[in-house]
Amino acid sequence: TVSDAQGAVLPGVTVTVTSPALIGVQ
């Protein structure tokens, strides 16, 4: 879950994962 400093949840945040185990980026 992604939230702001006050604890309110944040919709619309882009979360990107990278790893040598992946081909490309997700």
mmCIF file of all heavy atoms, coordinates in Angstrom:
data_MODEL
# 
_entry.id   MODEL 
# 
loop_
_atom_site.group_PDB 
_atom_site.id 
_atom_site.type_symbol 
_atom_site.label_atom_id 
_atom_site.label_alt_id 
_atom_site.label_comp_id 
_atom_site.label_asym_id 
_atom_site.label_entity_id 
_atom_site.label_seq_id 
_atom_site.pdbx_PDB_ins_code 
_atom_site.Cartn_x 
_atom_site.Cartn_y 
_atom_site.Cartn_z 
_atom_site.occupancy 
_atom_site.B_iso_or_equiv 
_atom_site.pdbx_formal_charge 
_atom_site.auth_seq_id 
_atom_site.auth_comp_id 
_atom_site.auth_asym_id 
_atom_site.auth_atom_id 
_atom_site.pdbx_PDB_model_num 
ATOM 1   N N   . THR A 1 1  ? 0.855  -1.186  0.000   1.00 0.00 ? 1  THR A N   1 
ATOM 2   C CA  . THR A 1 1  ? 0.000  0.000   0.000   1.00 0.00 ? 1  THR A CA  1 
ATOM 3   C C   . THR A 1 1  ? 0.888  1.233   0.000   1.00 0.00 ? 1  THR A C   1 
ATOM 4   O O   . THR A 1 1  ? 1.897  1.275   0.706   1.00 0.00 ? 1  THR A O   1 
ATOM 5   C CB  . THR A 1 1  ? -0.901 0.017   1.247   1.00 0.00 ? 1  THR A CB  1 
ATOM 6   O OG1 . THR A 1 1  ? -1.668 -1.192  1.270   1.00 0.00 ? 1  THR A OG1 1 
ATOM 7   C CG2 . THR A 1 1  ? -1.844 1.201   1.242   1.00 0.00 ? 1  THR A CG2 1 
ATOM 8   N N   . VAL A 1 2  ? 0.498  2.230   -0.778  1.00 0.00 ? 2  VAL A N   1 
ATOM 9   C CA  . VAL A 1 2  ? 1.246  3.484   -0.845  1.00 0.00 ? 2  VAL A CA  1 
ATOM 10  C C   . VAL A 1 2  ? 0.390  4.576   -0.212  1.00 0.00 ? 2  VAL A C   1 
ATOM 11  O O   . VAL A 1 2  ? -0.797 4.705   -0.520  1.00 0.00 ? 2  VAL A O   1 
ATOM 12  C CB  . VAL A 1 2  ? 1.599  3.855   -2.301  1.00 0.00 ? 2  VAL A CB  1 
ATOM 13  C CG1 . VAL A 1 2  ? 2.412  5.143   -2.328  1.00 0.00 ? 2  VAL A CG1 1 
ATOM 14  C CG2 . VAL A 1 2  ? 2.363  2.728   -2.969  1.00 0.00 ? 2  VAL A CG2 1 
ATOM 15  N N   . SER A 1 3  ? 1.003  5.344   0.681   1.00 0.00 ? 3  SER A N   1 
ATOM 16  C CA  . SER A 1 3  ? 0.287  6.419   1.365   1.00 0.00 ? 3  SER A CA  1 
ATOM 17  C C   . SER A 1 3  ? 1.168  7.661   1.420   1.00 0.00 ? 3  SER A C   1 
ATOM 18  O O   . SER A 1 3  ? 2.347  7.622   1.083   1.00 0.00 ? 3  SER A O   1 
ATOM 19  C CB  . SER A 1 3  ? -0.097 5.973   2.784   1.00 0.00 ? 3  SER A CB  1 
ATOM 20  O OG  . SER A 1 3  ? 1.062  5.661   3.526   1.00 0.00 ? 3  SER A OG  1 
ATOM 21  N N   . ASP A 1 4  ? 0.563  8.774   1.873   1.00 0.00 ? 4  ASP A N   1 
ATOM 22  C CA  . ASP A 1 4  ? 1.343  9.990   2.056   1.00 0.00 ? 4  ASP A CA  1 
ATOM 23  C C   . ASP A 1 4  ? 1.875  10.024  3.490   1.00 0.00 ? 4  ASP A C   1 
ATOM 24  O O   . ASP A 1 4  ? 1.683  9.085   4.258   1.00 0.00 ? 4  ASP A O   1 
ATOM 25  C CB  . ASP A 1 4  ? 0.527  11.239  1.713   1.00 0.00 ? 4  ASP A CB  1 
ATOM 26  C CG  . ASP A 1 4  ? -0.672 11.460  2.629   1.00 0.00 ? 4  ASP A CG  1 
ATOM 27  O OD1 . ASP A 1 4  ? -0.803 10.758  3.655   1.00 0.00 ? 4  ASP A OD1 1 
ATOM 28  O OD2 . ASP A 1 4  ? -1.481 12.349  2.319   1.00 0.00 ? 4  ASP A OD2 1 
ATOM 29  N N   . ALA A 1 5  ? 2.544  11.115  3.866   1.00 0.00 ? 5  ALA A N   1 
ATOM 30  C CA  . ALA A 1 5  ? 3.176  11.208  5.191   1.00 0.00 ? 5  ALA A CA  1 
ATOM 31  C C   . ALA A 1 5  ? 2.154  11.173  6.326   1.00 0.00 ? 5  ALA A C   1 
ATOM 32  O O   . ALA A 1 5  ? 2.481  10.788  7.450   1.00 0.00 ? 5  ALA A O   1 
ATOM 33  C CB  . ALA A 1 5  ? 4.012  12.477  5.269   1.00 0.00 ? 5  ALA A CB  1 
ATOM 34  N N   . GLN A 1 6  ? 0.899  11.565  6.050   1.00 0.00 ? 6  GLN A N   1 
ATOM 35  C CA  . GLN A 1 6  ? -0.134 11.553  7.087   1.00 0.00 ? 6  GLN A CA  1 
ATOM 36  C C   . GLN A 1 6  ? -0.877 10.218  7.150   1.00 0.00 ? 6  GLN A C   1 
ATOM 37  O O   . GLN A 1 6  ? -1.743 10.025  7.979   1.00 0.00 ? 6  GLN A O   1 
ATOM 38  C CB  . GLN A 1 6  ? -1.155 12.678  6.841   1.00 0.00 ? 6  GLN A CB  1 
ATOM 39  C CG  . GLN A 1 6  ? -0.639 14.065  7.194   1.00 0.00 ? 6  GLN A CG  1 
ATOM 40  C CD  . GLN A 1 6  ? 0.364  14.587  6.185   1.00 0.00 ? 6  GLN A CD  1 
ATOM 41  O OE1 . GLN A 1 6  ? 0.235  14.337  4.988   1.00 0.00 ? 6  GLN A OE1 1 
ATOM 42  N NE2 . GLN A 1 6  ? 1.375  15.287  6.660   1.00 0.00 ? 6  GLN A NE2 1 
ATOM 43  N N   . GLY A 1 7  ? -0.567 9.295   6.236   1.00 0.00 ? 7  GLY A N   1 
ATOM 44  C CA  . GLY A 1 7  ? -1.190 7.980   6.246   1.00 0.00 ? 7  GLY A CA  1 
ATOM 45  C C   . GLY A 1 7  ? -2.369 7.830   5.298   1.00 0.00 ? 7  GLY A C   1 
ATOM 46  O O   . GLY A 1 7  ? -2.975 6.767   5.243   1.00 0.00 ? 7  GLY A O   1 
ATOM 47  N N   . ALA A 1 8  ? -2.723 8.889   4.556   1.00 0.00 ? 8  ALA A N   1 
ATOM 48  C CA  . ALA A 1 8  ? -3.815 8.783   3.585   1.00 0.00 ? 8  ALA A CA  1 
ATOM 49  C C   . ALA A 1 8  ? -3.328 8.001   2.369   1.00 0.00 ? 8  ALA A C   1 
ATOM 50  O O   . ALA A 1 8  ? -2.227 8.230   1.872   1.00 0.00 ? 8  ALA A O   1 
ATOM 51  C CB  . ALA A 1 8  ? -4.281 10.183  3.162   1.00 0.00 ? 8  ALA A CB  1 
ATOM 52  N N   . VAL A 1 9  ? -4.139 7.064   1.881   1.00 0.00 ? 9  VAL A N   1 
ATOM 53  C CA  . VAL A 1 9  ? -3.735 6.239   0.750   1.00 0.00 ? 9  VAL A CA  1 
ATOM 54  C C   . VAL A 1 9  ? -3.650 7.079   -0.517  1.00 0.00 ? 9  VAL A C   1 
ATOM 55  O O   . VAL A 1 9  ? -4.342 8.085   -0.665  1.00 0.00 ? 9  VAL A O   1 
ATOM 56  C CB  . VAL A 1 9  ? -4.692 5.048   0.538   1.00 0.00 ? 9  VAL A CB  1 
ATOM 57  C CG1 . VAL A 1 9  ? -4.633 4.108   1.719   1.00 0.00 ? 9  VAL A CG1 1 
ATOM 58  C CG2 . VAL A 1 9  ? -6.108 5.509   0.270   1.00 0.00 ? 9  VAL A CG2 1 
ATOM 59  N N   . LEU A 1 10 ? -2.760 6.671   -1.415  1.00 0.00 ? 10 LEU A N   1 
ATOM 60  C CA  . LEU A 1 10 ? -2.524 7.408   -2.657  1.00 0.00 ? 10 LEU A CA  1 
ATOM 61  C C   . LEU A 1 10 ? -2.871 6.536   -3.869  1.00 0.00 ? 10 LEU A C   1 
ATOM 62  O O   . LEU A 1 10 ? -2.110 5.645   -4.236  1.00 0.00 ? 10 LEU A O   1 
ATOM 63  C CB  . LEU A 1 10 ? -1.059 7.846   -2.745  1.00 0.00 ? 10 LEU A CB  1 
ATOM 64  C CG  . LEU A 1 10 ? -0.592 8.877   -1.730  1.00 0.00 ? 10 LEU A CG  1 
ATOM 65  C CD1 . LEU A 1 10 ? 0.906  9.098   -1.856  1.00 0.00 ? 10 LEU A CD1 1 
ATOM 66  C CD2 . LEU A 1 10 ? -1.346 10.178  -1.920  1.00 0.00 ? 10 LEU A CD2 1 
ATOM 67  N N   . PRO A 1 11 ? -3.998 6.798   -4.514  1.00 0.00 ? 11 PRO A N   1 
ATOM 68  C CA  . PRO A 1 11 ? -4.283 6.112   -5.774  1.00 0.00 ? 11 PRO A CA  1 
ATOM 69  C C   . PRO A 1 11 ? -3.499 6.762   -6.907  1.00 0.00 ? 11 PRO A C   1 
ATOM 70  O O   . PRO A 1 11 ? -3.119 7.929   -6.824  1.00 0.00 ? 11 PRO A O   1 
ATOM 71  C CB  . PRO A 1 11 ? -5.795 6.326   -5.957  1.00 0.00 ? 11 PRO A CB  1 
ATOM 72  C CG  . PRO A 1 11 ? -6.093 7.571   -5.199  1.00 0.00 ? 11 PRO A CG  1 
ATOM 73  C CD  . PRO A 1 11 ? -5.104 7.630   -4.063  1.00 0.00 ? 11 PRO A CD  1 
ATOM 74  N N   . GLY A 1 12 ? -3.238 6.000   -7.957  1.00 0.00 ? 12 GLY A N   1 
ATOM 75  C CA  . GLY A 1 12 ? -2.586 6.559   -9.138  1.00 0.00 ? 12 GLY A CA  1 
ATOM 76  C C   . GLY A 1 12 ? -1.079 6.629   -9.086  1.00 0.00 ? 12 GLY A C   1 
ATOM 77  O O   . GLY A 1 12 ? -0.457 7.205   -9.968  1.00 0.00 ? 12 GLY A O   1 
ATOM 78  N N   . VAL A 1 13 ? -0.461 6.023   -8.084  1.00 0.00 ? 13 VAL A N   1 
ATOM 79  C CA  . VAL A 1 13 ? 1.001  6.000   -7.994  1.00 0.00 ? 13 VAL A CA  1 
ATOM 80  C C   . VAL A 1 13 ? 1.527  4.939   -8.965  1.00 0.00 ? 13 VAL A C   1 
ATOM 81  O O   . VAL A 1 13 ? 1.047  3.805   -8.973  1.00 0.00 ? 13 VAL A O   1 
ATOM 82  C CB  . VAL A 1 13 ? 1.477  5.680   -6.558  1.00 0.00 ? 13 VAL A CB  1 
ATOM 83  C CG1 . VAL A 1 13 ? 2.995  5.579   -6.491  1.00 0.00 ? 13 VAL A CG1 1 
ATOM 84  C CG2 . VAL A 1 13 ? 0.956  6.712   -5.579  1.00 0.00 ? 13 VAL A CG2 1 
ATOM 85  N N   . THR A 1 14 ? 2.506  5.308   -9.778  1.00 0.00 ? 14 THR A N   1 
ATOM 86  C CA  . THR A 1 14 ? 3.133  4.339   -10.673 1.00 0.00 ? 14 THR A CA  1 
ATOM 87  C C   . THR A 1 14 ? 4.217  3.601   -9.897  1.00 0.00 ? 14 THR A C   1 
ATOM 88  O O   . THR A 1 14 ? 5.129  4.224   -9.351  1.00 0.00 ? 14 THR A O   1 
ATOM 89  C CB  . THR A 1 14 ? 3.748  5.036   -11.895 1.00 0.00 ? 14 THR A CB  1 
ATOM 90  O OG1 . THR A 1 14 ? 2.713  5.725   -12.596 1.00 0.00 ? 14 THR A OG1 1 
ATOM 91  C CG2 . THR A 1 14 ? 4.404  4.031   -12.829 1.00 0.00 ? 14 THR A CG2 1 
ATOM 92  N N   . VAL A 1 15 ? 4.091  2.276   -9.825  1.00 0.00 ? 15 VAL A N   1 
ATOM 93  C CA  . VAL A 1 15 ? 5.069  1.436   -9.136  1.00 0.00 ? 15 VAL A CA  1 
ATOM 94  C C   . VAL A 1 15 ? 5.772  0.608   -10.212 1.00 0.00 ? 15 VAL A C   1 
ATOM 95  O O   . VAL A 1 15 ? 5.125  -0.094  -10.980 1.00 0.00 ? 15 VAL A O   1 
ATOM 96  C CB  . VAL A 1 15 ? 4.400  0.511   -8.099  1.00 0.00 ? 15 VAL A CB  1 
ATOM 97  C CG1 . VAL A 1 15 ? 5.448  -0.280  -7.334  1.00 0.00 ? 15 VAL A CG1 1 
ATOM 98  C CG2 . VAL A 1 15 ? 3.522  1.308   -7.150  1.00 0.00 ? 15 VAL A CG2 1 
ATOM 99  N N   . THR A 1 16 ? 7.108  0.726   -10.247 1.00 0.00 ? 16 THR A N   1 
ATOM 100 C CA  . THR A 1 16 ? 7.906  0.042   -11.257 1.00 0.00 ? 16 THR A CA  1 
ATOM 101 C C   . THR A 1 16 ? 8.897  -0.882  -10.569 1.00 0.00 ? 16 THR A C   1 
ATOM 102 O O   . THR A 1 16 ? 9.534  -0.487  -9.598  1.00 0.00 ? 16 THR A O   1 
ATOM 103 C CB  . THR A 1 16 ? 8.663  1.068   -12.119 1.00 0.00 ? 16 THR A CB  1 
ATOM 104 O OG1 . THR A 1 16 ? 7.718  1.996   -12.657 1.00 0.00 ? 16 THR A OG1 1 
ATOM 105 C CG2 . THR A 1 16 ? 9.415  0.403   -13.244 1.00 0.00 ? 16 THR A CG2 1 
ATOM 106 N N   . VAL A 1 17 ? 9.006  -2.128  -11.068 1.00 0.00 ? 17 VAL A N   1 
ATOM 107 C CA  . VAL A 1 17 ? 9.993  -3.066  -10.535 1.00 0.00 ? 17 VAL A CA  1 
ATOM 108 C C   . VAL A 1 17 ? 10.998 -3.414  -11.630 1.00 0.00 ? 17 VAL A C   1 
ATOM 109 O O   . VAL A 1 17 ? 10.641 -3.578  -12.790 1.00 0.00 ? 17 VAL A O   1 
ATOM 110 C CB  . VAL A 1 17 ? 9.374  -4.365  -9.980  1.00 0.00 ? 17 VAL A CB  1 
ATOM 111 C CG1 . VAL A 1 17 ? 8.542  -4.097  -8.757  1.00 0.00 ? 17 VAL A CG1 1 
ATOM 112 C CG2 . VAL A 1 17 ? 8.570  -5.090  -11.016 1.00 0.00 ? 17 VAL A CG2 1 
ATOM 113 N N   . THR A 1 18 ? 12.252 -3.490  -11.217 1.00 0.00 ? 18 THR A N   1 
ATOM 114 C CA  . THR A 1 18 ? 13.326 -3.932  -12.110 1.00 0.00 ? 18 THR A CA  1 
ATOM 115 C C   . THR A 1 18 ? 14.174 -4.946  -11.361 1.00 0.00 ? 18 THR A C   1 
ATOM 116 O O   . THR A 1 18 ? 14.283 -4.901  -10.136 1.00 0.00 ? 18 THR A O   1 
ATOM 117 C CB  . THR A 1 18 ? 14.220 -2.762  -12.571 1.00 0.00 ? 18 THR A CB  1 
ATOM 118 O OG1 . THR A 1 18 ? 14.740 -2.094  -11.417 1.00 0.00 ? 18 THR A OG1 1 
ATOM 119 C CG2 . THR A 1 18 ? 13.444 -1.771  -13.418 1.00 0.00 ? 18 THR A CG2 1 
ATOM 120 N N   . SER A 1 19 ? 14.768 -5.862  -12.131 1.00 0.00 ? 19 SER A N   1 
ATOM 121 C CA  . SER A 1 19 ? 15.612 -6.887  -11.542 1.00 0.00 ? 19 SER A CA  1 
ATOM 122 C C   . SER A 1 19 ? 16.368 -7.595  -12.652 1.00 0.00 ? 19 SER A C   1 
ATOM 123 O O   . SER A 1 19 ? 15.863 -7.708  -13.772 1.00 0.00 ? 19 SER A O   1 
ATOM 124 C CB  . SER A 1 19 ? 14.760 -7.906  -10.785 1.00 0.00 ? 19 SER A CB  1 
ATOM 125 O OG  . SER A 1 19 ? 15.537 -9.008  -10.374 1.00 0.00 ? 19 SER A OG  1 
ATOM 126 N N   . PRO A 1 20 ? 17.570 -8.103  -12.338 1.00 0.00 ? 20 PRO A N   1 
ATOM 127 C CA  . PRO A 1 20 ? 18.241 -8.959  -13.312 1.00 0.00 ? 20 PRO A CA  1 
ATOM 128 C C   . PRO A 1 20 ? 17.440 -10.230 -13.612 1.00 0.00 ? 20 PRO A C   1 
ATOM 129 O O   . PRO A 1 20 ? 17.607 -10.829 -14.663 1.00 0.00 ? 20 PRO A O   1 
ATOM 130 C CB  . PRO A 1 20 ? 19.568 -9.305  -12.628 1.00 0.00 ? 20 PRO A CB  1 
ATOM 131 C CG  . PRO A 1 20 ? 19.784 -8.235  -11.621 1.00 0.00 ? 20 PRO A CG  1 
ATOM 132 C CD  . PRO A 1 20 ? 18.421 -7.816  -11.175 1.00 0.00 ? 20 PRO A CD  1 
ATOM 133 N N   . ALA A 1 21 ? 16.525 -10.615 -12.697 1.00 0.00 ? 21 ALA A N   1 
ATOM 134 C CA  . ALA A 1 21 ? 15.707 -11.807 -12.905 1.00 0.00 ? 21 ALA A CA  1 
ATOM 135 C C   . ALA A 1 21 ? 14.593 -11.572 -13.925 1.00 0.00 ? 21 ALA A C   1 
ATOM 136 O O   . ALA A 1 21 ? 13.998 -12.519 -14.423 1.00 0.00 ? 21 ALA A O   1 
ATOM 137 C CB  . ALA A 1 21 ? 15.097 -12.257 -11.577 1.00 0.00 ? 21 ALA A CB  1 
ATOM 138 N N   . LEU A 1 22 ? 14.300 -10.299 -14.211 1.00 0.00 ? 22 LEU A N   1 
ATOM 139 C CA  . LEU A 1 22 ? 13.246 -9.954  -15.168 1.00 0.00 ? 22 LEU A CA  1 
ATOM 140 C C   . LEU A 1 22 ? 13.827 -9.663  -16.535 1.00 0.00 ? 22 LEU A C   1 
ATOM 141 O O   . LEU A 1 22 ? 14.942 -9.179  -16.658 1.00 0.00 ? 22 LEU A O   1 
ATOM 142 C CB  . LEU A 1 22 ? 12.509 -8.686  -14.721 1.00 0.00 ? 22 LEU A CB  1 
ATOM 143 C CG  . LEU A 1 22 ? 11.486 -8.795  -13.636 1.00 0.00 ? 22 LEU A CG  1 
ATOM 144 C CD1 . LEU A 1 22 ? 10.924 -7.417  -13.314 1.00 0.00 ? 22 LEU A CD1 1 
ATOM 145 C CD2 . LEU A 1 22 ? 10.363 -9.718  -14.030 1.00 0.00 ? 22 LEU A CD2 1 
ATOM 146 N N   . ILE A 1 23 ? 13.022 -9.891  -17.540 1.00 0.00 ? 23 ILE A N   1 
ATOM 147 C CA  . ILE A 1 23 ? 13.358 -9.410  -18.874 1.00 0.00 ? 23 ILE A CA  1 
ATOM 148 C C   . ILE A 1 23 ? 12.557 -8.136  -19.046 1.00 0.00 ? 23 ILE A C   1 
ATOM 149 O O   . ILE A 1 23 ? 11.345 -8.171  -19.165 1.00 0.00 ? 23 ILE A O   1 
ATOM 150 C CB  . ILE A 1 23 ? 12.988 -10.452 -19.946 1.00 0.00 ? 23 ILE A CB  1 
ATOM 151 C CG1 . ILE A 1 23 ? 13.786 -11.731 -19.740 1.00 0.00 ? 23 ILE A CG1 1 
ATOM 152 C CG2 . ILE A 1 23 ? 13.199 -9.886  -21.338 1.00 0.00 ? 23 ILE A CG2 1 
ATOM 153 C CD1 . ILE A 1 23 ? 13.389 -12.872 -20.637 1.00 0.00 ? 23 ILE A CD1 1 
ATOM 154 N N   . GLY A 1 24 ? 13.222 -7.007  -18.998 1.00 0.00 ? 24 GLY A N   1 
ATOM 155 C CA  . GLY A 1 24 ? 12.522 -5.732  -19.097 1.00 0.00 ? 24 GLY A CA  1 
ATOM 156 C C   . GLY A 1 24 ? 12.102 -5.202  -17.740 1.00 0.00 ? 24 GLY A C   1 
ATOM 157 O O   . GLY A 1 24 ? 12.661 -5.554  -16.707 1.00 0.00 ? 24 GLY A O   1 
ATOM 158 N N   . VAL A 1 25 ? 11.069 -4.356  -17.778 1.00 0.00 ? 25 VAL A N   1 
ATOM 159 C CA  . VAL A 1 25 ? 10.573 -3.662  -16.588 1.00 0.00 ? 25 VAL A CA  1 
ATOM 160 C C   . VAL A 1 25 ? 9.084  -3.945  -16.471 1.00 0.00 ? 25 VAL A C   1 
ATOM 161 O O   . VAL A 1 25 ? 8.383  -4.041  -17.468 1.00 0.00 ? 25 VAL A O   1 
ATOM 162 C CB  . VAL A 1 25 ? 10.811 -2.141  -16.737 1.00 0.00 ? 25 VAL A CB  1 
ATOM 163 C CG1 . VAL A 1 25 ? 10.192 -1.372  -15.593 1.00 0.00 ? 25 VAL A CG1 1 
ATOM 164 C CG2 . VAL A 1 25 ? 12.291 -1.840  -16.848 1.00 0.00 ? 25 VAL A CG2 1 
ATOM 165 N N   . GLN A 1 26 ? 8.600  -4.085  -15.243 1.00 0.00 ? 26 GLN A N   1 
ATOM 166 C CA  . GLN A 1 26 ? 7.165  -4.231  -15.019 1.00 0.00 ? 26 GLN A CA  1 
ATOM 167 C C   . GLN A 1 26 ? 6.675  -3.040  -14.212 1.00 0.00 ? 26 GLN A C   1 
ATOM 168 O O   . GLN A 1 26 ? 7.339  -2.604  -13.268 1.00 0.00 ? 26 GLN A O   1 
ATOM 169 C CB  . GLN A 1 26 ? 6.846  -5.520  -14.268 1.00 0.00 ? 26 GLN A CB  1 
ATOM 170 C CG  . GLN A 1 26 ? 7.021  -6.758  -15.105 1.00 0.00 ? 26 GLN A CG  1 
ATOM 171 C CD  . GLN A 1 26 ? 6.474  -7.997  -14.408 1.00 0.00 ? 26 GLN A CD  1 
ATOM 172 O OE1 . GLN A 1 26 ? 5.680  -7.919  -13.482 1.00 0.00 ? 26 GLN A OE1 1 
ATOM 173 N NE2 . GLN A 1 26 ? 6.909  -9.150  -14.873 1.00 0.00 ? 26 GLN A NE2 1 
# 
